[in-house]
Amino acid sequence: MAVEARPAREDDVAEIARLVAAIAAYHESVDERARFDWEEIRRAPVWLKTVLARVGDHLVGYLWVRLVRDHQGYLPRVRGYVNHAYLEEHWRGKGLISPMLEAAYDWFLSKGVTVVTLLVLHRNWIGSSAWYKLGYEDWTHERRLELKPRANKPRAK
Protein backbone atom coordinates (compact mmCIF):
# COMPACT_ATOMS: atom_id res chain seq x y z
CA MET A 1 0.00 0.00 0.00
CA ALA A 2 1.43 3.38 -0.99
CA VAL A 3 1.56 6.00 1.73
CA GLU A 4 1.39 9.73 1.01
CA ALA A 5 2.43 12.50 3.41
CA ARG A 6 0.34 15.61 2.72
CA PRO A 7 -1.37 18.48 4.50
CA ALA A 8 -4.71 17.56 6.06
CA ARG A 9 -7.96 18.46 4.34
CA GLU A 10 -11.42 18.97 5.78
CA ASP A 11 -12.53 15.60 4.41
CA ASP A 12 -9.84 14.02 6.64
CA VAL A 13 -11.54 15.18 9.85
CA ALA A 14 -13.25 11.87 10.68
CA GLU A 15 -10.02 9.91 10.25
CA ILE A 16 -7.95 12.45 12.20
CA ALA A 17 -10.54 12.33 15.00
CA ARG A 18 -10.14 8.54 15.09
CA LEU A 19 -6.37 8.98 15.44
CA VAL A 20 -6.78 11.66 18.15
CA ALA A 21 -8.79 9.10 20.15
CA ALA A 22 -6.11 6.48 19.46
CA ILE A 23 -3.28 8.65 20.82
CA ALA A 24 -5.36 9.49 23.91
CA ALA A 25 -6.04 5.78 24.52
CA TYR A 26 -2.36 4.98 23.98
CA HIS A 27 -1.27 7.65 26.47
CA GLU A 28 -3.73 6.33 29.05
CA SER A 29 -2.36 2.81 28.52
CA VAL A 30 1.28 3.79 29.12
CA ASP A 31 0.75 6.01 32.17
CA GLU A 32 -2.17 5.87 34.60
CA ARG A 33 -1.68 9.59 35.31
CA ALA A 34 -2.59 10.44 31.71
CA ARG A 35 -6.32 11.05 31.68
CA PHE A 36 -8.45 12.57 28.97
CA ASP A 37 -11.81 14.26 28.79
CA TRP A 38 -13.46 11.71 26.51
CA GLU A 39 -16.37 14.04 25.81
CA GLU A 40 -13.81 16.49 24.39
CA ILE A 41 -12.16 13.67 22.42
CA ARG A 42 -15.57 12.68 21.01
CA ARG A 43 -16.04 16.33 19.95
CA ALA A 44 -12.79 16.19 17.99
CA PRO A 45 -14.58 16.36 14.61
CA VAL A 46 -15.94 19.78 15.60
CA TRP A 47 -12.72 21.34 16.90
CA LEU A 48 -10.61 19.72 14.21
CA LYS A 49 -12.65 21.55 11.57
CA THR A 50 -11.74 24.80 13.34
CA VAL A 51 -8.06 23.79 13.43
CA LEU A 52 -8.06 22.82 9.74
CA ALA A 53 -9.83 26.06 8.80
CA ARG A 54 -6.82 27.85 10.25
CA VAL A 55 -4.09 26.19 8.86
CA GLY A 56 -12.32 8.76 1.54
CA ASP A 57 -8.67 7.98 2.53
CA HIS A 58 -7.63 5.76 5.42
CA LEU A 59 -5.13 7.81 7.41
CA VAL A 60 -2.45 5.88 9.28
CA GLY A 61 -1.06 8.80 11.25
CA TYR A 62 -0.88 12.51 11.62
CA LEU A 63 1.42 15.30 12.72
CA TRP A 64 -0.02 18.48 14.20
CA VAL A 65 2.38 21.38 14.61
CA ARG A 66 1.89 24.98 15.65
CA LEU A 67 3.76 28.10 16.67
CA VAL A 68 4.15 28.94 20.37
CA ARG A 69 4.98 32.42 21.65
CA ASP A 70 6.99 32.45 24.86
CA HIS A 71 5.87 34.90 27.54
CA GLN A 72 8.51 34.01 30.13
CA GLY A 73 11.57 35.63 28.61
CA TYR A 74 13.07 32.60 26.86
CA LEU A 75 14.65 33.15 23.48
CA PRO A 76 13.67 32.65 20.79
CA ARG A 77 10.32 34.26 21.58
CA VAL A 78 8.50 32.12 19.00
CA ARG A 79 9.24 28.44 18.57
CA GLY A 80 7.78 25.58 16.64
CA TYR A 81 5.86 23.03 18.64
CA VAL A 82 4.94 19.45 17.80
CA ASN A 83 1.46 19.37 19.31
CA HIS A 84 0.58 15.78 18.36
CA ALA A 85 2.32 13.05 16.41
CA TYR A 86 0.81 9.62 16.00
CA LEU A 87 1.17 6.60 13.74
CA GLU A 88 -0.93 3.46 13.99
CA GLU A 89 1.15 0.67 15.50
CA HIS A 90 1.48 -1.32 12.27
CA TRP A 91 3.00 1.71 10.49
CA ARG A 92 5.56 2.66 13.14
CA GLY A 93 9.25 2.27 12.37
CA LYS A 94 8.78 2.58 8.60
CA GLY A 95 10.12 6.13 8.25
CA LEU A 96 6.71 7.71 7.71
CA ILE A 97 7.07 10.47 10.28
CA SER A 98 10.22 11.87 8.63
CA PRO A 99 8.53 13.32 5.52
CA MET A 100 5.82 14.85 7.70
CA LEU A 101 8.47 16.41 9.93
CA GLU A 102 10.43 17.70 6.93
CA ALA A 103 7.30 19.48 5.67
CA ALA A 104 6.75 20.88 9.18
CA TYR A 105 10.37 22.04 9.41
CA ASP A 106 10.05 23.80 6.05
CA TRP A 107 6.91 25.53 7.31
CA PHE A 108 8.63 26.55 10.57
CA LEU A 109 11.62 27.95 8.66
CA SER A 110 9.26 29.91 6.38
CA LYS A 111 7.96 31.58 9.57
CA GLY A 112 11.50 32.39 10.76
CA VAL A 113 11.39 29.67 13.43
CA THR A 114 14.64 27.87 14.23
CA VAL A 115 13.75 25.98 17.45
CA VAL A 116 11.18 23.20 17.74
CA THR A 117 10.02 21.63 21.00
CA LEU A 118 7.54 18.95 22.00
CA LEU A 119 6.21 17.18 25.04
CA VAL A 120 6.35 13.40 25.38
CA LEU A 121 4.88 11.44 28.28
CA HIS A 122 7.60 10.23 30.64
CA ARG A 123 6.42 6.60 30.40
CA ASN A 124 5.99 6.67 26.63
CA TRP A 125 9.28 4.85 26.04
CA ILE A 126 8.53 4.16 22.37
CA GLY A 127 7.71 7.79 21.59
CA SER A 128 10.59 9.12 23.67
CA SER A 129 13.07 6.83 21.93
CA ALA A 130 11.72 7.80 18.52
CA TRP A 131 12.15 11.53 19.24
CA TYR A 132 15.76 10.96 20.34
CA LYS A 133 16.43 9.08 17.09
CA LEU A 134 14.97 12.04 15.19
CA GLY A 135 17.53 14.36 16.80
CA TYR A 136 15.52 15.85 19.67
CA GLU A 137 17.41 16.46 22.93
CA ASP A 138 16.32 16.80 26.52
CA TRP A 139 15.41 20.39 27.25
CA THR A 140 13.13 20.75 30.25
CA HIS A 141 11.46 18.21 32.47
CA GLU A 142 7.90 19.03 33.36
CA ARG A 143 6.86 17.80 36.79
CA ARG A 144 3.39 16.91 38.01
CA LEU A 145 1.73 16.88 41.44
CA GLU A 146 -1.90 16.07 42.07
CA LEU A 147 -3.25 18.10 44.96
CA LYS A 148 -5.71 16.46 47.30
CA PRO A 149 -8.06 18.31 49.68
CA ARG A 150 -6.38 18.79 53.05
CA ALA A 151 -8.26 18.07 56.24
CA ASN A 152 -8.68 20.90 58.76
CA LYS A 153 -7.30 23.53 56.42
CA PRO A 154 -9.46 26.57 55.71
CA ARG A 155 -9.94 27.14 52.00
CA ALA A 156 -8.95 30.46 50.46
CA LYS A 157 -11.86 32.65 49.49
C-alpha atoms as a PDB file:
ATOM      1  CA  MET A   1       0.000   0.000   0.000  1.00  0.00           C
ATOM      2  CA  ALA A   2       1.426   3.382  -0.991  1.00  0.00           C
ATOM      3  CA  VAL A   3       1.558   6.005   1.727  1.00  0.00           C
ATOM      4  CA  GLU A   4       1.395   9.729   1.011  1.00  0.00           C
ATOM      5  CA  ALA A   5       2.428  12.501   3.408  1.00  0.00           C
ATOM      6  CA  ARG A   6       0.339  15.610   2.720  1.00  0.00           C
ATOM      7  CA  PRO A   7      -1.370  18.484   4.496  1.00  0.00           C
ATOM      8  CA  ALA A   8      -4.708  17.562   6.061  1.00  0.00           C
ATOM      9  CA  ARG A   9      -7.960  18.461   4.340  1.00  0.00           C
ATOM     10  CA  GLU A  10     -11.424  18.974   5.780  1.00  0.00           C
ATOM     11  CA  ASP A  11     -12.533  15.604   4.410  1.00  0.00           C
ATOM     12  CA  ASP A  12      -9.838  14.016   6.636  1.00  0.00           C
ATOM     13  CA  VAL A  13     -11.535  15.177   9.847  1.00  0.00           C
ATOM     14  CA  ALA A  14     -13.255  11.868  10.681  1.00  0.00           C
ATOM     15  CA  GLU A  15     -10.023   9.908  10.251  1.00  0.00           C
ATOM     16  CA  ILE A  16      -7.952  12.445  12.203  1.00  0.00           C
ATOM     17  CA  ALA A  17     -10.545  12.331  15.001  1.00  0.00           C
ATOM     18  CA  ARG A  18     -10.135   8.540  15.089  1.00  0.00           C
ATOM     19  CA  LEU A  19      -6.366   8.985  15.440  1.00  0.00           C
ATOM     20  CA  VAL A  20      -6.784  11.662  18.146  1.00  0.00           C
ATOM     21  CA  ALA A  21      -8.792   9.101  20.151  1.00  0.00           C
ATOM     22  CA  ALA A  22      -6.112   6.481  19.459  1.00  0.00           C
ATOM     23  CA  ILE A  23      -3.285   8.648  20.818  1.00  0.00           C
ATOM     24  CA  ALA A  24      -5.358   9.489  23.912  1.00  0.00           C
ATOM     25  CA  ALA A  25      -6.043   5.783  24.520  1.00  0.00           C
ATOM     26  CA  TYR A  26      -2.363   4.985  23.984  1.00  0.00           C
ATOM     27  CA  HIS A  27      -1.272   7.651  26.469  1.00  0.00           C
ATOM     28  CA  GLU A  28      -3.734   6.326  29.051  1.00  0.00           C
ATOM     29  CA  SER A  29      -2.360   2.808  28.518  1.00  0.00           C
ATOM     30  CA  VAL A  30       1.285   3.792  29.121  1.00  0.00           C
ATOM     31  CA  ASP A  31       0.748   6.012  32.165  1.00  0.00           C
ATOM     32  CA  GLU A  32      -2.171   5.866  34.605  1.00  0.00           C
ATOM     33  CA  ARG A  33      -1.676   9.586  35.308  1.00  0.00           C
ATOM     34  CA  ALA A  34      -2.591  10.445  31.712  1.00  0.00           C
ATOM     35  CA  ARG A  35      -6.321  11.050  31.683  1.00  0.00           C
ATOM     36  CA  PHE A  36      -8.452  12.570  28.972  1.00  0.00           C
ATOM     37  CA  ASP A  37     -11.806  14.257  28.792  1.00  0.00           C
ATOM     38  CA  TRP A  38     -13.458  11.706  26.512  1.00  0.00           C
ATOM     39  CA  GLU A  39     -16.369  14.042  25.814  1.00  0.00           C
ATOM     40  CA  GLU A  40     -13.807  16.495  24.387  1.00  0.00           C
ATOM     41  CA  ILE A  41     -12.158  13.668  22.423  1.00  0.00           C
ATOM     42  CA  ARG A  42     -15.572  12.681  21.013  1.00  0.00           C
ATOM     43  CA  ARG A  43     -16.044  16.331  19.951  1.00  0.00           C
ATOM     44  CA  ALA A  44     -12.786  16.194  17.990  1.00  0.00           C
ATOM     45  CA  PRO A  45     -14.579  16.363  14.611  1.00  0.00           C
ATOM     46  CA  VAL A  46     -15.943  19.778  15.600  1.00  0.00           C
ATOM     47  CA  TRP A  47     -12.721  21.340  16.901  1.00  0.00           C
ATOM     48  CA  LEU A  48     -10.609  19.717  14.206  1.00  0.00           C
ATOM     49  CA  LYS A  49     -12.654  21.551  11.566  1.00  0.00           C
ATOM     50  CA  THR A  50     -11.740  24.800  13.337  1.00  0.00           C
ATOM     51  CA  VAL A  51      -8.062  23.793  13.425  1.00  0.00           C
ATOM     52  CA  LEU A  52      -8.064  22.822   9.742  1.00  0.00           C
ATOM     53  CA  ALA A  53      -9.828  26.062   8.796  1.00  0.00           C
ATOM     54  CA  ARG A  54      -6.821  27.855  10.248  1.00  0.00           C
ATOM     55  CA  VAL A  55      -4.093  26.189   8.858  1.00  0.00           C
ATOM     56  CA  GLY A  56     -12.315   8.761   1.541  1.00  0.00           C
ATOM     57  CA  ASP A  57      -8.669   7.980   2.532  1.00  0.00           C
ATOM     58  CA  HIS A  58      -7.628   5.762   5.416  1.00  0.00           C
ATOM     59  CA  LEU A  59      -5.134   7.806   7.413  1.00  0.00           C
ATOM     60  CA  VAL A  60      -2.450   5.876   9.278  1.00  0.00           C
ATOM     61  CA  GLY A  61      -1.055   8.797  11.246  1.00  0.00           C
ATOM     62  CA  TYR A  62      -0.882  12.514  11.625  1.00  0.00           C
ATOM     63  CA  LEU A  63       1.420  15.301  12.722  1.00  0.00           C
ATOM     64  CA  TRP A  64      -0.023  18.481  14.204  1.00  0.00           C
ATOM     65  CA  VAL A  65       2.383  21.381  14.605  1.00  0.00           C
ATOM     66  CA  ARG A  66       1.891  24.985  15.647  1.00  0.00           C
ATOM     67  CA  LEU A  67       3.763  28.102  16.672  1.00  0.00           C
ATOM     68  CA  VAL A  68       4.154  28.937  20.369  1.00  0.00           C
ATOM     69  CA  ARG A  69       4.976  32.418  21.648  1.00  0.00           C
ATOM     70  CA  ASP A  70       6.991  32.451  24.862  1.00  0.00           C
ATOM     71  CA  HIS A  71       5.874  34.903  27.538  1.00  0.00           C
ATOM     72  CA  GLN A  72       8.507  34.012  30.132  1.00  0.00           C
ATOM     73  CA  GLY A  73      11.574  35.633  28.607  1.00  0.00           C
ATOM     74  CA  TYR A  74      13.066  32.602  26.864  1.00  0.00           C
ATOM     75  CA  LEU A  75      14.653  33.146  23.477  1.00  0.00           C
ATOM     76  CA  PRO A  76      13.669  32.653  20.789  1.00  0.00           C
ATOM     77  CA  ARG A  77      10.322  34.262  21.581  1.00  0.00           C
ATOM     78  CA  VAL A  78       8.502  32.119  19.003  1.00  0.00           C
ATOM     79  CA  ARG A  79       9.241  28.440  18.570  1.00  0.00           C
ATOM     80  CA  GLY A  80       7.781  25.577  16.643  1.00  0.00           C
ATOM     81  CA  TYR A  81       5.861  23.034  18.644  1.00  0.00           C
ATOM     82  CA  VAL A  82       4.939  19.453  17.798  1.00  0.00           C
ATOM     83  CA  ASN A  83       1.464  19.367  19.308  1.00  0.00           C
ATOM     84  CA  HIS A  84       0.582  15.776  18.357  1.00  0.00           C
ATOM     85  CA  ALA A  85       2.322  13.049  16.410  1.00  0.00           C
ATOM     86  CA  TYR A  86       0.805   9.616  15.997  1.00  0.00           C
ATOM     87  CA  LEU A  87       1.167   6.600  13.743  1.00  0.00           C
ATOM     88  CA  GLU A  88      -0.926   3.459  13.993  1.00  0.00           C
ATOM     89  CA  GLU A  89       1.150   0.672  15.500  1.00  0.00           C
ATOM     90  CA  HIS A  90       1.479  -1.316  12.272  1.00  0.00           C
ATOM     91  CA  TRP A  91       3.001   1.708  10.495  1.00  0.00           C
ATOM     92  CA  ARG A  92       5.562   2.663  13.139  1.00  0.00           C
ATOM     93  CA  GLY A  93       9.252   2.272  12.369  1.00  0.00           C
ATOM     94  CA  LYS A  94       8.778   2.583   8.598  1.00  0.00           C
ATOM     95  CA  GLY A  95      10.124   6.131   8.253  1.00  0.00           C
ATOM     96  CA  LEU A  96       6.708   7.715   7.712  1.00  0.00           C
ATOM     97  CA  ILE A  97       7.070  10.475  10.284  1.00  0.00           C
ATOM     98  CA  SER A  98      10.215  11.865   8.628  1.00  0.00           C
ATOM     99  CA  PRO A  99       8.527  13.321   5.519  1.00  0.00           C
ATOM    100  CA  MET A 100       5.817  14.846   7.698  1.00  0.00           C
ATOM    101  CA  LEU A 101       8.470  16.412   9.934  1.00  0.00           C
ATOM    102  CA  GLU A 102      10.427  17.703   6.934  1.00  0.00           C
ATOM    103  CA  ALA A 103       7.303  19.480   5.672  1.00  0.00           C
ATOM    104  CA  ALA A 104       6.751  20.879   9.182  1.00  0.00           C
ATOM    105  CA  TYR A 105      10.372  22.038   9.407  1.00  0.00           C
ATOM    106  CA  ASP A 106      10.052  23.802   6.045  1.00  0.00           C
ATOM    107  CA  TRP A 107       6.908  25.535   7.311  1.00  0.00           C
ATOM    108  CA  PHE A 108       8.628  26.547  10.570  1.00  0.00           C
ATOM    109  CA  LEU A 109      11.621  27.948   8.661  1.00  0.00           C
ATOM    110  CA  SER A 110       9.264  29.905   6.380  1.00  0.00           C
ATOM    111  CA  LYS A 111       7.960  31.584   9.566  1.00  0.00           C
ATOM    112  CA  GLY A 112      11.497  32.391  10.761  1.00  0.00           C
ATOM    113  CA  VAL A 113      11.386  29.671  13.429  1.00  0.00           C
ATOM    114  CA  THR A 114      14.636  27.870  14.226  1.00  0.00           C
ATOM    115  CA  VAL A 115      13.751  25.984  17.449  1.00  0.00           C
ATOM    116  CA  VAL A 116      11.178  23.195  17.741  1.00  0.00           C
ATOM    117  CA  THR A 117      10.016  21.630  20.996  1.00  0.00           C
ATOM    118  CA  LEU A 118       7.541  18.955  21.996  1.00  0.00           C
ATOM    119  CA  LEU A 119       6.212  17.175  25.043  1.00  0.00           C
ATOM    120  CA  VAL A 120       6.352  13.399  25.380  1.00  0.00           C
ATOM    121  CA  LEU A 121       4.883  11.440  28.281  1.00  0.00           C
ATOM    122  CA  HIS A 122       7.600  10.227  30.641  1.00  0.00           C
ATOM    123  CA  ARG A 123       6.422   6.605  30.397  1.00  0.00           C
ATOM    124  CA  ASN A 124       5.988   6.666  26.631  1.00  0.00           C
ATOM    125  CA  TRP A 125       9.280   4.847  26.036  1.00  0.00           C
ATOM    126  CA  ILE A 126       8.529   4.156  22.374  1.00  0.00           C
ATOM    127  CA  GLY A 127       7.708   7.786  21.591  1.00  0.00           C
ATOM    128  CA  SER A 128      10.587   9.122  23.665  1.00  0.00           C
ATOM    129  CA  SER A 129      13.068   6.828  21.934  1.00  0.00           C
ATOM    130  CA  ALA A 130      11.724   7.802  18.515  1.00  0.00           C
ATOM    131  CA  TRP A 131      12.151  11.527  19.239  1.00  0.00           C
ATOM    132  CA  TYR A 132      15.756  10.964  20.343  1.00  0.00           C
ATOM    133  CA  LYS A 133      16.428   9.076  17.092  1.00  0.00           C
ATOM    134  CA  LEU A 134      14.966  12.036  15.189  1.00  0.00           C
ATOM    135  CA  GLY A 135      17.530  14.357  16.803  1.00  0.00           C
ATOM    136  CA  TYR A 136      15.524  15.849  19.671  1.00  0.00           C
ATOM    137  CA  GLU A 137      17.409  16.457  22.926  1.00  0.00           C
ATOM    138  CA  ASP A 138      16.324  16.795  26.524  1.00  0.00           C
ATOM    139  CA  TRP A 139      15.414  20.387  27.246  1.00  0.00           C
ATOM    140  CA  THR A 140      13.132  20.749  30.247  1.00  0.00           C
ATOM    141  CA  HIS A 141      11.460  18.214  32.469  1.00  0.00           C
ATOM    142  CA  GLU A 142       7.897  19.030  33.355  1.00  0.00           C
ATOM    143  CA  ARG A 143       6.860  17.804  36.794  1.00  0.00           C
ATOM    144  CA  ARG A 144       3.389  16.909  38.013  1.00  0.00           C
ATOM    145  CA  LEU A 145       1.735  16.881  41.436  1.00  0.00           C
ATOM    146  CA  GLU A 146      -1.902  16.065  42.070  1.00  0.00           C
ATOM    147  CA  LEU A 147      -3.248  18.097  44.956  1.00  0.00           C
ATOM    148  CA  LYS A 148      -5.706  16.459  47.303  1.00  0.00           C
ATOM    149  CA  PRO A 149      -8.060  18.312  49.678  1.00  0.00           C
ATOM    150  CA  ARG A 150      -6.381  18.793  53.050  1.00  0.00           C
ATOM    151  CA  ALA A 151      -8.258  18.075  56.241  1.00  0.00           C
ATOM    152  CA  ASN A 152      -8.683  20.898  58.759  1.00  0.00           C
ATOM    153  CA  LYS A 153      -7.299  23.531  56.419  1.00  0.00           C
ATOM    154  CA  PRO A 154      -9.456  26.566  55.712  1.00  0.00           C
ATOM    155  CA  ARG A 155      -9.944  27.145  52.003  1.00  0.00           C
ATOM    156  CA  ALA A 156      -8.951  30.457  50.459  1.00  0.00           C
ATOM    157  CA  LYS A 157     -11.858  32.649  49.492  1.00  0.00           C
END
